[in-house]
Amino acid sequence: MNVNPAGAGSLVVVSHSVADTHRLASQLCDVLRPGDLVLLCGDLGTGKTAFTKGLAASLGIDDQVTSPTFVLVQTYDGPVPIVHVDVYRLEHAGELEALALEELLDETAIGVIEWGDRFAAHLPPDRLEIMFSPGAGIDDRTVVLVPQGPSWHARRRLLAELVEGF
């Protein structure tokens, strides 16, 4: 991976493969804590679910991770559970209430919301936003990490050290 600091406290990582994306997720496990919220943003096929697969594997979750596009919410049990949400099919923010996200995203699990940028204004402000976009090569992905809120701003230096080690 190539790493470059970006503006406004964000970090940019270039992943050259799915294995790189899994490795990034694995490294982030050192910074993530139960109760954290991670928003995954980006077009179809840019690495959101691949990231979640890497995260789950690194957290010791043996379940097969798939995008919960049609079921909307999938919980993966492990030493630190993951609540994996996909809001792609939701049409308006009011539908978030029907998912009972406040109850699902508790202090015991890590919340991962694919397409989270669609409803960012309606989600907790303390979160890590990760934006995926196609890179220069066919397997390349540009990954932008944006810490939001006080707990993530406090960990921004840890994030920088983590990605600089690639």
C-alpha atoms as a PDB file:
ATOM      1  CA  MET A   1       0.000   0.000   0.000  1.00  0.00           C
ATOM      2  CA  ASN A   2       1.067   3.557  -0.600  1.00  0.00           C
ATOM      3  CA  VAL A   3       0.164   6.029   2.113  1.00  0.00           C
ATOM      4  CA  ASN A   4      -0.168   9.794   1.855  1.00  0.00           C
ATOM      5  CA  PRO A   5      -1.600  12.170   4.429  1.00  0.00           C
ATOM      6  CA  ALA A   6      -4.662  14.076   3.226  1.00  0.00           C
ATOM      7  CA  GLY A   7      -6.184  17.320   4.409  1.00  0.00           C
ATOM      8  CA  ALA A   8      -8.530  17.890   7.326  1.00  0.00           C
ATOM      9  CA  GLY A   9      -7.116  15.082   9.456  1.00  0.00           C
ATOM     10  CA  SER A  10      -7.772  12.344   6.928  1.00  0.00           C
ATOM     11  CA  LEU A  11      -5.356   9.714   5.661  1.00  0.00           C
ATOM     12  CA  VAL A  12      -5.117   8.268   2.181  1.00  0.00           C
ATOM     13  CA  VAL A  13      -4.082   4.678   1.531  1.00  0.00           C
ATOM     14  CA  VAL A  14      -3.787   3.051  -1.890  1.00  0.00           C
ATOM     15  CA  SER A  15      -4.695  -0.622  -1.783  1.00  0.00           C
ATOM     16  CA  HIS A  16      -3.345  -2.654  -4.692  1.00  0.00           C
ATOM     17  CA  SER A  17      -5.335  -5.819  -3.978  1.00  0.00           C
ATOM     18  CA  VAL A  18      -8.079  -7.407  -1.914  1.00  0.00           C
ATOM     19  CA  ALA A  19      -5.293  -8.766   0.307  1.00  0.00           C
ATOM     20  CA  ASP A  20      -4.141  -5.179   0.937  1.00  0.00           C
ATOM     21  CA  THR A  21      -7.697  -4.181   1.851  1.00  0.00           C
ATOM     22  CA  HIS A  22      -7.912  -7.120   4.265  1.00  0.00           C
ATOM     23  CA  ARG A  23      -4.544  -6.137   5.746  1.00  0.00           C
ATOM     24  CA  LEU A  24      -5.715  -2.553   6.254  1.00  0.00           C
ATOM     25  CA  ALA A  25      -8.810  -3.835   8.090  1.00  0.00           C
ATOM     26  CA  SER A  26      -6.620  -6.122  10.177  1.00  0.00           C
ATOM     27  CA  GLN A  27      -4.336  -3.244  11.138  1.00  0.00           C
ATOM     28  CA  LEU A  28      -7.338  -1.111  12.073  1.00  0.00           C
ATOM     29  CA  CYS A  29      -8.349  -3.757  14.608  1.00  0.00           C
ATOM     30  CA  ASP A  30      -5.514  -2.388  16.754  1.00  0.00           C
ATOM     31  CA  VAL A  31      -7.302   0.975  16.867  1.00  0.00           C
ATOM     32  CA  LEU A  32     -10.959  -0.083  16.897  1.00  0.00           C
ATOM     33  CA  ARG A  33     -12.834  -0.596  20.172  1.00  0.00           C
ATOM     34  CA  PRO A  34     -16.198  -2.103  21.036  1.00  0.00           C
ATOM     35  CA  GLY A  35     -18.828   0.598  20.573  1.00  0.00           C
ATOM     36  CA  ASP A  36     -17.066   2.154  17.561  1.00  0.00           C
ATOM     37  CA  LEU A  37     -18.932   3.028  14.400  1.00  0.00           C
ATOM     38  CA  VAL A  38     -17.321   2.717  10.966  1.00  0.00           C
ATOM     39  CA  LEU A  39     -19.034   4.153   7.884  1.00  0.00           C
ATOM     40  CA  LEU A  40     -17.963   2.589   4.588  1.00  0.00           C
ATOM     41  CA  CYS A  41     -18.566   4.775   1.562  1.00  0.00           C
ATOM     42  CA  GLY A  42     -17.984   4.232  -2.139  1.00  0.00           C
ATOM     43  CA  ASP A  43     -19.470   2.875  -5.322  1.00  0.00           C
ATOM     44  CA  LEU A  44     -20.332  -0.771  -5.945  1.00  0.00           C
ATOM     45  CA  GLY A  45     -17.278  -2.994  -6.108  1.00  0.00           C
ATOM     46  CA  THR A  46     -14.810  -0.603  -4.498  1.00  0.00           C
ATOM     47  CA  GLY A  47     -13.986  -2.712  -1.433  1.00  0.00           C
ATOM     48  CA  LYS A  48     -16.543  -2.056   1.305  1.00  0.00           C
ATOM     49  CA  THR A  49     -17.474  -5.701   1.846  1.00  0.00           C
ATOM     50  CA  ALA A  50     -13.883  -6.854   1.294  1.00  0.00           C
ATOM     51  CA  PHE A  51     -12.860  -4.522   4.103  1.00  0.00           C
ATOM     52  CA  THR A  52     -15.569  -5.965   6.382  1.00  0.00           C
ATOM     53  CA  LYS A  53     -14.417  -9.512   5.565  1.00  0.00           C
ATOM     54  CA  GLY A  54     -10.873  -8.602   6.586  1.00  0.00           C
ATOM     55  CA  LEU A  55     -12.122  -6.933   9.747  1.00  0.00           C
ATOM     56  CA  ALA A  56     -14.214  -9.960  10.738  1.00  0.00           C
ATOM     57  CA  ALA A  57     -11.381 -12.404  10.103  1.00  0.00           C
ATOM     58  CA  SER A  58      -8.995 -10.284  12.167  1.00  0.00           C
ATOM     59  CA  LEU A  59     -11.489 -10.167  15.033  1.00  0.00           C
ATOM     60  CA  GLY A  60     -11.671 -13.958  15.097  1.00  0.00           C
ATOM     61  CA  ILE A  61     -15.077 -14.219  13.431  1.00  0.00           C
ATOM     62  CA  ASP A  62     -15.381 -17.419  11.410  1.00  0.00           C
ATOM     63  CA  ASP A  63     -18.727 -16.651   9.730  1.00  0.00           C
ATOM     64  CA  GLN A  64     -18.872 -16.042   6.001  1.00  0.00           C
ATOM     65  CA  VAL A  65     -19.245 -12.279   5.578  1.00  0.00           C
ATOM     66  CA  THR A  66     -21.460 -11.055   2.759  1.00  0.00           C
ATOM     67  CA  SER A  67     -22.966  -7.682   2.016  1.00  0.00           C
ATOM     68  CA  PRO A  68     -26.304  -7.414   3.829  1.00  0.00           C
ATOM     69  CA  THR A  69     -27.879  -5.529   0.912  1.00  0.00           C
ATOM     70  CA  PHE A  70     -31.149  -7.451   1.044  1.00  0.00           C
ATOM     71  CA  VAL A  71     -31.316  -8.373   4.742  1.00  0.00           C
ATOM     72  CA  LEU A  72     -30.046  -4.891   5.724  1.00  0.00           C
ATOM     73  CA  VAL A  73     -28.455  -6.023   9.018  1.00  0.00           C
ATOM     74  CA  GLN A  74     -26.188  -8.968   9.761  1.00  0.00           C
ATOM     75  CA  THR A  75     -24.612  -9.589  13.159  1.00  0.00           C
ATOM     76  CA  TYR A  76     -21.411 -11.604  13.358  1.00  0.00           C
ATOM     77  CA  ASP A  77     -20.622 -13.031  16.788  1.00  0.00           C
ATOM     78  CA  GLY A  78     -17.060 -13.205  17.982  1.00  0.00           C
ATOM     79  CA  PRO A  79     -14.820 -11.955  20.760  1.00  0.00           C
ATOM     80  CA  VAL A  80     -15.838  -8.502  19.540  1.00  0.00           C
ATOM     81  CA  PRO A  81     -19.049  -8.804  17.496  1.00  0.00           C
ATOM     82  CA  ILE A  82     -19.672  -6.859  14.298  1.00  0.00           C
ATOM     83  CA  VAL A  83     -23.048  -5.392  13.419  1.00  0.00           C
ATOM     84  CA  HIS A  84     -22.864  -5.085   9.617  1.00  0.00           C
ATOM     85  CA  VAL A  85     -25.491  -2.813   8.082  1.00  0.00           C
ATOM     86  CA  ASP A  86     -26.144  -1.912   4.444  1.00  0.00           C
ATOM     87  CA  VAL A  87     -28.347   1.138   3.887  1.00  0.00           C
ATOM     88  CA  TYR A  88     -28.091   1.120   0.077  1.00  0.00           C
ATOM     89  CA  ARG A  89     -31.740   0.162  -0.399  1.00  0.00           C
ATOM     90  CA  LEU A  90     -33.166   2.636   2.116  1.00  0.00           C
ATOM     91  CA  GLU A  91     -34.947   5.541   0.499  1.00  0.00           C
ATOM     92  CA  HIS A  92     -35.131   8.007   3.389  1.00  0.00           C
ATOM     93  CA  ALA A  93     -33.623   8.532   6.831  1.00  0.00           C
ATOM     94  CA  GLY A  94     -36.868   7.596   8.583  1.00  0.00           C
ATOM     95  CA  GLU A  95     -36.238   3.992   7.579  1.00  0.00           C
ATOM     96  CA  LEU A  96     -33.176   3.981   9.839  1.00  0.00           C
ATOM     97  CA  GLU A  97     -35.494   4.014  12.850  1.00  0.00           C
ATOM     98  CA  ALA A  98     -37.141   0.785  11.685  1.00  0.00           C
ATOM     99  CA  LEU A  99     -33.720  -0.883  11.807  1.00  0.00           C
ATOM    100  CA  ALA A 100     -33.354   0.050  15.504  1.00  0.00           C
ATOM    101  CA  LEU A 101     -29.720   1.009  14.937  1.00  0.00           C
ATOM    102  CA  GLU A 102     -29.405   2.659  18.333  1.00  0.00           C
ATOM    103  CA  GLU A 103     -30.123  -0.682  19.976  1.00  0.00           C
ATOM    104  CA  LEU A 104     -27.951  -2.675  17.567  1.00  0.00           C
ATOM    105  CA  LEU A 105     -24.976  -0.331  17.709  1.00  0.00           C
ATOM    106  CA  ASP A 106     -24.231  -0.728  21.388  1.00  0.00           C
ATOM    107  CA  GLU A 107     -21.013  -0.635  23.400  1.00  0.00           C
ATOM    108  CA  THR A 108     -20.255  -4.342  22.916  1.00  0.00           C
ATOM    109  CA  ALA A 109     -19.926  -4.486  19.118  1.00  0.00           C
ATOM    110  CA  ILE A 110     -18.239  -2.645  16.292  1.00  0.00           C
ATOM    111  CA  GLY A 111     -20.807  -1.140  13.935  1.00  0.00           C
ATOM    112  CA  VAL A 112     -20.007  -1.177  10.217  1.00  0.00           C
ATOM    113  CA  ILE A 113     -22.427   0.626   7.903  1.00  0.00           C
ATOM    114  CA  GLU A 114     -22.006   0.276   4.147  1.00  0.00           C
ATOM    115  CA  TRP A 115     -23.226   3.289   2.160  1.00  0.00           C
ATOM    116  CA  GLY A 116     -23.209   5.170   5.465  1.00  0.00           C
ATOM    117  CA  ASP A 117     -22.560   8.481   3.721  1.00  0.00           C
ATOM    118  CA  ARG A 118     -26.149   8.432   2.439  1.00  0.00           C
ATOM    119  CA  PHE A 119     -27.469   9.061   5.957  1.00  0.00           C
ATOM    120  CA  ALA A 120     -24.388  10.431   7.733  1.00  0.00           C
ATOM    121  CA  ALA A 121     -26.334  13.380   9.189  1.00  0.00           C
ATOM    122  CA  HIS A 122     -28.626  10.910  10.986  1.00  0.00           C
ATOM    123  CA  LEU A 123     -25.893   8.716  12.443  1.00  0.00           C
ATOM    124  CA  PRO A 124     -23.748   9.255  15.543  1.00  0.00           C
ATOM    125  CA  PRO A 125     -21.128  11.938  14.863  1.00  0.00           C
ATOM    126  CA  ASP A 126     -18.315  10.031  16.591  1.00  0.00           C
ATOM    127  CA  ARG A 127     -17.191   7.608  13.897  1.00  0.00           C
ATOM    128  CA  LEU A 128     -14.522   6.605  11.416  1.00  0.00           C
ATOM    129  CA  GLU A 129     -15.530   7.239   7.824  1.00  0.00           C
ATOM    130  CA  ILE A 130     -13.718   5.164   5.212  1.00  0.00           C
ATOM    131  CA  MET A 131     -14.197   6.148   1.581  1.00  0.00           C
ATOM    132  CA  PHE A 132     -13.281   3.719  -1.200  1.00  0.00           C
ATOM    133  CA  SER A 133     -12.782   4.697  -4.832  1.00  0.00           C
ATOM    134  CA  PRO A 134     -11.162   3.087  -7.888  1.00  0.00           C
ATOM    135  CA  GLY A 135      -7.443   3.712  -8.222  1.00  0.00           C
ATOM    136  CA  ALA A 136      -5.103   3.899 -11.203  1.00  0.00           C
ATOM    137  CA  GLY A 137      -4.756   0.143 -11.739  1.00  0.00           C
ATOM    138  CA  ILE A 138      -7.573  -2.337 -12.230  1.00  0.00           C
ATOM    139  CA  ASP A 139      -7.189  -3.746  -8.688  1.00  0.00           C
ATOM    140  CA  ASP A 140      -6.170  -0.465  -7.065  1.00  0.00           C
ATOM    141  CA  ARG A 141      -8.431   1.286  -4.582  1.00  0.00           C
ATOM    142  CA  THR A 142      -7.912   4.657  -2.995  1.00  0.00           C
ATOM    143  CA  VAL A 143      -9.018   4.458   0.622  1.00  0.00           C
ATOM    144  CA  VAL A 144      -9.528   7.663   2.612  1.00  0.00           C
ATOM    145  CA  LEU A 145      -9.802   7.376   6.389  1.00  0.00           C
ATOM    146  CA  VAL A 146     -11.592  10.309   8.016  1.00  0.00           C
ATOM    147  CA  PRO A 147     -11.785  10.311  11.825  1.00  0.00           C
ATOM    148  CA  GLN A 148     -14.880  12.165  13.065  1.00  0.00           C
ATOM    149  CA  GLY A 149     -15.716  13.177  16.629  1.00  0.00           C
ATOM    150  CA  PRO A 150     -13.705  13.373  19.827  1.00  0.00           C
ATOM    151  CA  SER A 151     -12.820   9.694  20.319  1.00  0.00           C
ATOM    152  CA  TRP A 152     -11.556   9.386  16.741  1.00  0.00           C
ATOM    153  CA  HIS A 153      -9.685  12.687  16.787  1.00  0.00           C
ATOM    154  CA  ALA A 154      -7.918  11.375  19.904  1.00  0.00           C
ATOM    155  CA  ARG A 155      -6.891   8.276  17.899  1.00  0.00           C
ATOM    156  CA  ARG A 156      -5.900  10.114  14.724  1.00  0.00           C
ATOM    157  CA  ARG A 157      -2.210   9.790  15.553  1.00  0.00           C
ATOM    158  CA  LEU A 158      -2.621   6.027  16.049  1.00  0.00           C
ATOM    159  CA  LEU A 159      -4.334   5.828  12.668  1.00  0.00           C
ATOM    160  CA  ALA A 160      -1.491   7.766  11.053  1.00  0.00           C
ATOM    161  CA  GLU A 161       1.146   5.501  12.601  1.00  0.00           C
ATOM    162  CA  LEU A 162      -0.797   2.437  11.567  1.00  0.00           C
ATOM    163  CA  VAL A 163      -1.104   3.328   7.900  1.00  0.00           C
ATOM    164  CA  GLU A 164       2.401   4.777   7.673  1.00  0.00           C
ATOM    165  CA  GLY A 165       3.738   1.333   8.571  1.00  0.00           C
ATOM    166  CA  PHE A 166       2.543  -0.121   5.258  1.00  0.00           C
END
